């Protein structure tokens, strides 16, 4: 038997989470393509178009010279 004073209370305790969302690091986005030009690493999704990748490679090469 549960006393009447407790009968109206919930059966389970309320879940309380104390966490500052700003302190949680954002999830790392994994790239599907990785191109290494000298010491420079270019990461892009597999859906990156040829024009974008060509520009990125040219920029990496120009930065090295």
PDB file of N, CA and C in Angstrom:
ATOM      1  N   UNK A   1       0.838  -1.186   0.000  1.00  0.00           N
ATOM      2  CA  UNK A   1       0.000   0.000   0.000  1.00  0.00           C
ATOM      3  C   UNK A   1       0.880   1.247   0.000  1.00  0.00           C
ATOM      4  N   UNK A   2       0.459   2.224  -0.794  1.00  0.00           N
ATOM      5  CA  UNK A   2       1.136   3.514  -0.860  1.00  0.00           C
ATOM      6  C   UNK A   2       0.270   4.522  -0.117  1.00  0.00           C
ATOM      7  N   UNK A   3       0.895   5.304   0.771  1.00  0.00           N
ATOM      8  CA  UNK A   3       0.103   6.312   1.479  1.00  0.00           C
ATOM      9  C   UNK A   3      -0.544   7.293   0.498  1.00  0.00           C
ATOM     10  N   UNK A   4      -1.712   7.821   0.819  1.00  0.00           N
ATOM     11  CA  UNK A   4      -2.440   8.740  -0.053  1.00  0.00           C
ATOM     12  C   UNK A   4      -1.590   9.963  -0.412  1.00  0.00           C
ATOM     13  N   UNK A   5      -0.742  10.420   0.500  1.00  0.00           N
ATOM     14  CA  UNK A   5       0.077  11.608   0.243  1.00  0.00           C
ATOM     15  C   UNK A   5       1.090  11.358  -0.875  1.00  0.00           C
ATOM     16  N   UNK A   6       1.447  10.095  -1.113  1.00  0.00           N
ATOM     17  CA  UNK A   6       2.399   9.750  -2.155  1.00  0.00           C
ATOM     18  C   UNK A   6       1.736   9.218  -3.420  1.00  0.00           C
ATOM     19  N   UNK A   7       0.487   8.869  -3.349  1.00  0.00           N
ATOM     20  CA  UNK A   7      -0.213   8.241  -4.471  1.00  0.00           C
ATOM     21  C   UNK A   7      -0.299   9.154  -5.689  1.00  0.00           C
ATOM     22  N   UNK A   8      -0.356  10.468  -5.497  1.00  0.00           N
ATOM     23  CA  UNK A   8      -0.493  11.376  -6.637  1.00  0.00           C
ATOM     24  C   UNK A   8       0.847  11.752  -7.250  1.00  0.00           C
ATOM     25  N   UNK A   9       1.936  11.356  -6.638  1.00  0.00           N
ATOM     26  CA  UNK A   9       3.257  11.668  -7.179  1.00  0.00           C
ATOM     27  C   UNK A   9       3.608  10.721  -8.320  1.00  0.00           C
ATOM     28  N   UNK A  10       4.452  11.168  -9.249  1.00  0.00           N
ATOM     29  CA  UNK A  10       4.848  10.274 -10.352  1.00  0.00           C
ATOM     30  C   UNK A  10       5.606   9.054  -9.822  1.00  0.00           C
ATOM     31  N   UNK A  11       5.534   7.975 -10.573  1.00  0.00           N
ATOM     32  CA  UNK A  11       6.201   6.739 -10.155  1.00  0.00           C
ATOM     33  C   UNK A  11       7.711   6.812 -10.334  1.00  0.00           C
ATOM     34  N   UNK A  12       8.181   7.676 -11.256  1.00  0.00           N
ATOM     35  CA  UNK A  12       9.605   7.770 -11.546  1.00  0.00           C
ATOM     36  C   UNK A  12      10.066   9.195 -11.324  1.00  0.00           C
ATOM     37  N   UNK A  13      11.331   9.336 -11.016  1.00  0.00           N
ATOM     38  CA  UNK A  13      11.911  10.665 -10.829  1.00  0.00           C
ATOM     39  C   UNK A  13      12.102  11.337 -12.176  1.00  0.00           C
ATOM     40  N   UNK A  14      11.982  12.644 -12.206  1.00  0.00           N
ATOM     41  CA  UNK A  14      12.187  13.402 -13.433  1.00  0.00           C
ATOM     42  C   UNK A  14      13.669  13.419 -13.779  1.00  0.00           C
ATOM     43  N   UNK A  15      13.980  13.248 -15.041  1.00  0.00           N
ATOM     44  CA  UNK A  15      15.361  13.264 -15.508  1.00  0.00           C
ATOM     45  C   UNK A  15      15.799  14.705 -15.691  1.00  0.00           C
ATOM     46  N   UNK A  16      16.914  15.060 -15.069  1.00  0.00           N
ATOM     47  CA  UNK A  16      17.478  16.399 -15.186  1.00  0.00           C
ATOM     48  C   UNK A  16      18.884  16.259 -15.752  1.00  0.00           C
ATOM     49  N   UNK A  17      19.170  16.971 -16.845  1.00  0.00           N
ATOM     50  CA  UNK A  17      20.493  16.945 -17.457  1.00  0.00           C
ATOM     51  C   UNK A  17      21.081  18.325 -17.315  1.00  0.00           C
ATOM     52  N   UNK A  18      22.221  18.396 -16.659  1.00  0.00           N
ATOM     53  CA  UNK A  18      22.891  19.674 -16.491  1.00  0.00           C
ATOM     54  C   UNK A  18      24.122  19.673 -17.377  1.00  0.00           C
ATOM     55  N   UNK A  19      23.985  20.271 -18.542  1.00  0.00           N
ATOM     56  CA  UNK A  19      25.081  20.317 -19.497  1.00  0.00           C
ATOM     57  C   UNK A  19      24.941  21.582 -20.315  1.00  0.00           C
ATOM     58  N   UNK A  20      26.048  22.254 -20.518  1.00  0.00           N
ATOM     59  CA  UNK A  20      26.051  23.439 -21.350  1.00  0.00           C
ATOM     60  C   UNK A  20      26.335  22.994 -22.772  1.00  0.00           C
ATOM     61  N   UNK A  21      25.391  23.198 -23.660  1.00  0.00           N
ATOM     62  CA  UNK A  21      25.529  22.730 -25.046  1.00  0.00           C
ATOM     63  C   UNK A  21      26.750  23.344 -25.715  1.00  0.00           C
ATOM     64  N   UNK A  22      27.147  24.536 -25.290  1.00  0.00           N
ATOM     65  CA  UNK A  22      28.286  25.217 -25.909  1.00  0.00           C
ATOM     66  C   UNK A  22      29.612  24.510 -25.601  1.00  0.00           C
ATOM     67  N   UNK A  23      29.662  23.720 -24.538  1.00  0.00           N
ATOM     68  CA  UNK A  23      30.904  23.038 -24.187  1.00  0.00           C
ATOM     69  C   UNK A  23      31.080  21.714 -24.919  1.00  0.00           C
ATOM     70  N   UNK A  24      30.039  21.255 -25.562  1.00  0.00           N
ATOM     71  CA  UNK A  24      30.114  19.995 -26.299  1.00  0.00           C
ATOM     72  C   UNK A  24      30.665  20.300 -27.695  1.00  0.00           C
ATOM     73  N   UNK A  25      31.780  19.656 -28.081  1.00  0.00           N
ATOM     74  CA  UNK A  25      32.333  19.945 -29.407  1.00  0.00           C
ATOM     75  C   UNK A  25      31.394  19.467 -30.510  1.00  0.00           C
ATOM     76  N   UNK A  26      31.355  20.208 -31.622  1.00  0.00           N
ATOM     77  CA  UNK A  26      30.490  19.771 -32.716  1.00  0.00           C
ATOM     78  C   UNK A  26      31.003  18.468 -33.311  1.00  0.00           C
ATOM     79  N   UNK A  27      30.117  17.667 -33.848  1.00  0.00           N
ATOM     80  CA  UNK A  27      30.575  16.400 -34.436  1.00  0.00           C
ATOM     81  C   UNK A  27      31.495  16.666 -35.619  1.00  0.00           C
ATOM     82  N   UNK A  28      32.498  15.843 -35.747  1.00  0.00           N
ATOM     83  CA  UNK A  28      33.454  15.999 -36.840  1.00  0.00           C
ATOM     84  C   UNK A  28      32.858  15.409 -38.113  1.00  0.00           C
ATOM     85  N   UNK A  29      32.886  16.208 -39.140  1.00  0.00           N
ATOM     86  CA  UNK A  29      32.382  15.743 -40.432  1.00  0.00           C
ATOM     87  C   UNK A  29      33.523  15.015 -41.138  1.00  0.00           C
ATOM     88  N   UNK A  30      33.287  13.779 -41.454  1.00  0.00           N
ATOM     89  CA  UNK A  30      34.310  12.993 -42.123  1.00  0.00           C
ATOM     90  C   UNK A  30      34.222  13.209 -43.623  1.00  0.00           C
ATOM     91  N   UNK A  31      35.364  13.491 -44.223  1.00  0.00           N
ATOM     92  CA  UNK A  31      35.365  13.668 -45.667  1.00  0.00           C
ATOM     93  C   UNK A  31      35.550  12.309 -46.333  1.00  0.00           C
ATOM     94  N   UNK A  32      35.149  12.244 -47.567  1.00  0.00           N
ATOM     95  CA  UNK A  32      35.244  10.994 -48.301  1.00  0.00           C
ATOM     96  C   UNK A  32      36.403  11.003 -49.283  1.00  0.00           C
ATOM     97  N   UNK A  33      36.965  12.208 -49.560  1.00  0.00           N
ATOM     98  CA  UNK A  33      38.081  12.334 -50.483  1.00  0.00           C
ATOM     99  C   UNK A  33      39.171  13.126 -49.774  1.00  0.00           C
ATOM    100  N   UNK A  34      40.392  12.640 -49.851  1.00  0.00           N
ATOM    101  CA  UNK A  34      41.526  13.341 -49.254  1.00  0.00           C
ATOM    102  C   UNK A  34      42.642  13.392 -50.283  1.00  0.00           C
ATOM    103  N   UNK A  35      43.087  14.606 -50.625  1.00  0.00           N
ATOM    104  CA  UNK A  35      44.147  14.804 -51.606  1.00  0.00           C
ATOM    105  C   UNK A  35      45.299  15.490 -50.896  1.00  0.00           C
ATOM    106  N   UNK A  36      46.497  14.930 -51.024  1.00  0.00           N
ATOM    107  CA  UNK A  36      47.681  15.503 -50.393  1.00  0.00           C
ATOM    108  C   UNK A  36      48.559  16.101 -51.480  1.00  0.00           C
ATOM    109  N   UNK A  37      48.858  17.412 -51.330  1.00  0.00           N
ATOM    110  CA  UNK A  37      49.738  18.119 -52.253  1.00  0.00           C
ATOM    111  C   UNK A  37      50.850  18.712 -51.389  1.00  0.00           C
ATOM    112  N   UNK A  38      52.018  18.048 -51.380  1.00  0.00           N
ATOM    113  CA  UNK A  38      53.108  18.498 -50.496  1.00  0.00           C
ATOM    114  C   UNK A  38      52.693  18.339 -49.052  1.00  0.00           C
ATOM    115  N   UNK A  39      52.733  19.456 -48.305  1.00  0.00           N
ATOM    116  CA  UNK A  39      52.334  19.434 -46.891  1.00  0.00           C
ATOM    117  C   UNK A  39      50.870  19.817 -46.693  1.00  0.00           C
ATOM    118  N   UNK A  40      50.165  20.044 -47.779  1.00  0.00           N
ATOM    119  CA  UNK A  40      48.775  20.491 -47.710  1.00  0.00           C
ATOM    120  C   UNK A  40      47.845  19.303 -47.927  1.00  0.00           C
ATOM    121  N   UNK A  41      46.821  19.204 -47.087  1.00  0.00           N
ATOM    122  CA  UNK A  41      45.818  18.144 -47.220  1.00  0.00           C
ATOM    123  C   UNK A  41      44.495  18.807 -47.584  1.00  0.00           C
ATOM    124  N   UNK A  42      43.888  18.358 -48.671  1.00  0.00           N
ATOM    125  CA  UNK A  42      42.595  18.869 -49.129  1.00  0.00           C
ATOM    126  C   UNK A  42      41.568  17.782 -48.871  1.00  0.00           C
ATOM    127  N   UNK A  43      40.561  18.108 -48.075  1.00  0.00           N
ATOM    128  CA  UNK A  43      39.500  17.143 -47.778  1.00  0.00           C
ATOM    129  C   UNK A  43      38.201  17.663 -48.374  1.00  0.00           C
ATOM    130  N   UNK A  44      37.478  16.785 -49.021  1.00  0.00           N
ATOM    131  CA  UNK A  44      36.202  17.157 -49.638  1.00  0.00           C
ATOM    132  C   UNK A  44      35.273  15.959 -49.617  1.00  0.00           C
ATOM    133  N   UNK A  45      34.002  16.243 -49.735  1.00  0.00           N
ATOM    134  CA  UNK A  45      33.045  15.141 -49.818  1.00  0.00           C
ATOM    135  C   UNK A  45      33.154  14.507 -51.204  1.00  0.00           C
ATOM    136  N   UNK A  46      32.717  13.300 -51.316  1.00  0.00           N
ATOM    137  CA  UNK A  46      32.797  12.598 -52.598  1.00  0.00           C
ATOM    138  C   UNK A  46      31.954  13.294 -53.651  1.00  0.00           C
ATOM    139  N   UNK A  47      31.007  14.117 -53.230  1.00  0.00           N
ATOM    140  CA  UNK A  47      30.149  14.816 -54.169  1.00  0.00           C
ATOM    141  C   UNK A  47      30.722  16.125 -54.679  1.00  0.00           C
ATOM    142  N   UNK A  48      31.942  16.485 -54.252  1.00  0.00           N
ATOM    143  CA  UNK A  48      32.555  17.737 -54.713  1.00  0.00           C
ATOM    144  C   UNK A  48      32.784  17.656 -56.215  1.00  0.00           C
ATOM    145  N   UNK A  49      32.474  18.756 -56.895  1.00  0.00           N
ATOM    146  CA  UNK A  49      32.612  18.719 -58.350  1.00  0.00           C
ATOM    147  C   UNK A  49      34.059  18.969 -58.789  1.00  0.00           C
ATOM    148  N   UNK A  50      34.329  18.651 -60.032  1.00  0.00           N
ATOM    149  CA  UNK A  50      35.676  18.731 -60.602  1.00  0.00           C
ATOM    150  C   UNK A  50      36.230  20.155 -60.551  1.00  0.00           C
ATOM    151  N   UNK A  51      35.394  21.135 -60.823  1.00  0.00           N
ATOM    152  CA  UNK A  51      35.839  22.534 -60.819  1.00  0.00           C
ATOM    153  C   UNK A  51      36.328  22.935 -59.425  1.00  0.00           C
ATOM    154  N   UNK A  52      35.575  22.576 -58.405  1.00  0.00           N
ATOM    155  CA  UNK A  52      35.947  22.912 -57.024  1.00  0.00           C
ATOM    156  C   UNK A  52      37.267  22.238 -56.632  1.00  0.00           C
ATOM    157  N   UNK A  53      37.388  20.956 -56.933  1.00  0.00           N
ATOM    158  CA  UNK A  53      38.617  20.231 -56.598  1.00  0.00           C
ATOM    159  C   UNK A  53      39.818  20.790 -57.363  1.00  0.00           C
ATOM    160  N   UNK A  54      39.639  21.116 -58.634  1.00  0.00           N
ATOM    161  CA  UNK A  54      40.731  21.683 -59.441  1.00  0.00           C
ATOM    162  C   UNK A  54      41.206  22.999 -58.839  1.00  0.00           C
ATOM    163  N   UNK A  55      40.274  23.857 -58.453  1.00  0.00           N
ATOM    164  CA  UNK A  55      40.638  25.139 -57.827  1.00  0.00           C
ATOM    165  C   UNK A  55      41.378  24.924 -56.514  1.00  0.00           C
ATOM    166  N   UNK A  56      40.929  23.969 -55.721  1.00  0.00           N
ATOM    167  CA  UNK A  56      41.580  23.696 -54.437  1.00  0.00           C
ATOM    168  C   UNK A  56      42.999  23.181 -54.643  1.00  0.00           C
ATOM    169  N   UNK A  57      43.208  22.303 -55.610  1.00  0.00           N
ATOM    170  CA  UNK A  57      44.544  21.772 -55.889  1.00  0.00           C
ATOM    171  C   UNK A  57      45.455  22.875 -56.415  1.00  0.00           C
ATOM    172  N   UNK A  58      44.945  23.712 -57.304  1.00  0.00           N
ATOM    173  CA  UNK A  58      45.758  24.821 -57.827  1.00  0.00           C
ATOM    174  C   UNK A  58      46.128  25.799 -56.720  1.00  0.00           C
ATOM    175  N   UNK A  59      45.215  26.067 -55.832  1.00  0.00           N
ATOM    176  CA  UNK A  59      45.503  26.975 -54.713  1.00  0.00           C
ATOM    177  C   UNK A  59      46.561  26.380 -53.789  1.00  0.00           C
ATOM    178  N   UNK A  60      46.481  25.061 -53.553  1.00  0.00           N
ATOM    179  CA  UNK A  60      47.480  24.402 -52.715  1.00  0.00           C
ATOM    180  C   UNK A  60      48.852  24.450 -53.361  1.00  0.00           C
ATOM    181  N   UNK A  61      48.912  24.192 -54.646  1.00  0.00           N
ATOM    182  CA  UNK A  61      50.197  24.248 -55.368  1.00  0.00           C
ATOM    183  C   UNK A  61      50.765  25.657 -55.364  1.00  0.00           C
ATOM    184  N   UNK A  62      49.905  26.673 -55.572  1.00  0.00           N
ATOM    185  CA  UNK A  62      50.370  28.059 -55.592  1.00  0.00           C
ATOM    186  C   UNK A  62      50.879  28.475 -54.197  1.00  0.00           C
ATOM    187  N   UNK A  63      50.260  27.977 -53.151  1.00  0.00           N
ATOM    188  CA  UNK A  63      50.693  28.310 -51.798  1.00  0.00           C
ATOM    189  C   UNK A  63      52.054  27.713 -51.471  1.00  0.00           C
ATOM    190  N   UNK A  64      52.396  26.620 -52.140  1.00  0.00           N
ATOM    191  CA  UNK A  64      53.674  25.952 -51.890  1.00  0.00           C
ATOM    192  C   UNK A  64      54.822  26.624 -52.621  1.00  0.00           C
ATOM    193  N   UNK A  65      54.540  27.376 -53.681  1.00  0.00           N
ATOM    194  CA  UNK A  65      55.637  27.952 -54.470  1.00  0.00           C
ATOM    195  C   UNK A  65      55.930  29.389 -54.085  1.00  0.00           C
TER     196      UNK A  65
END
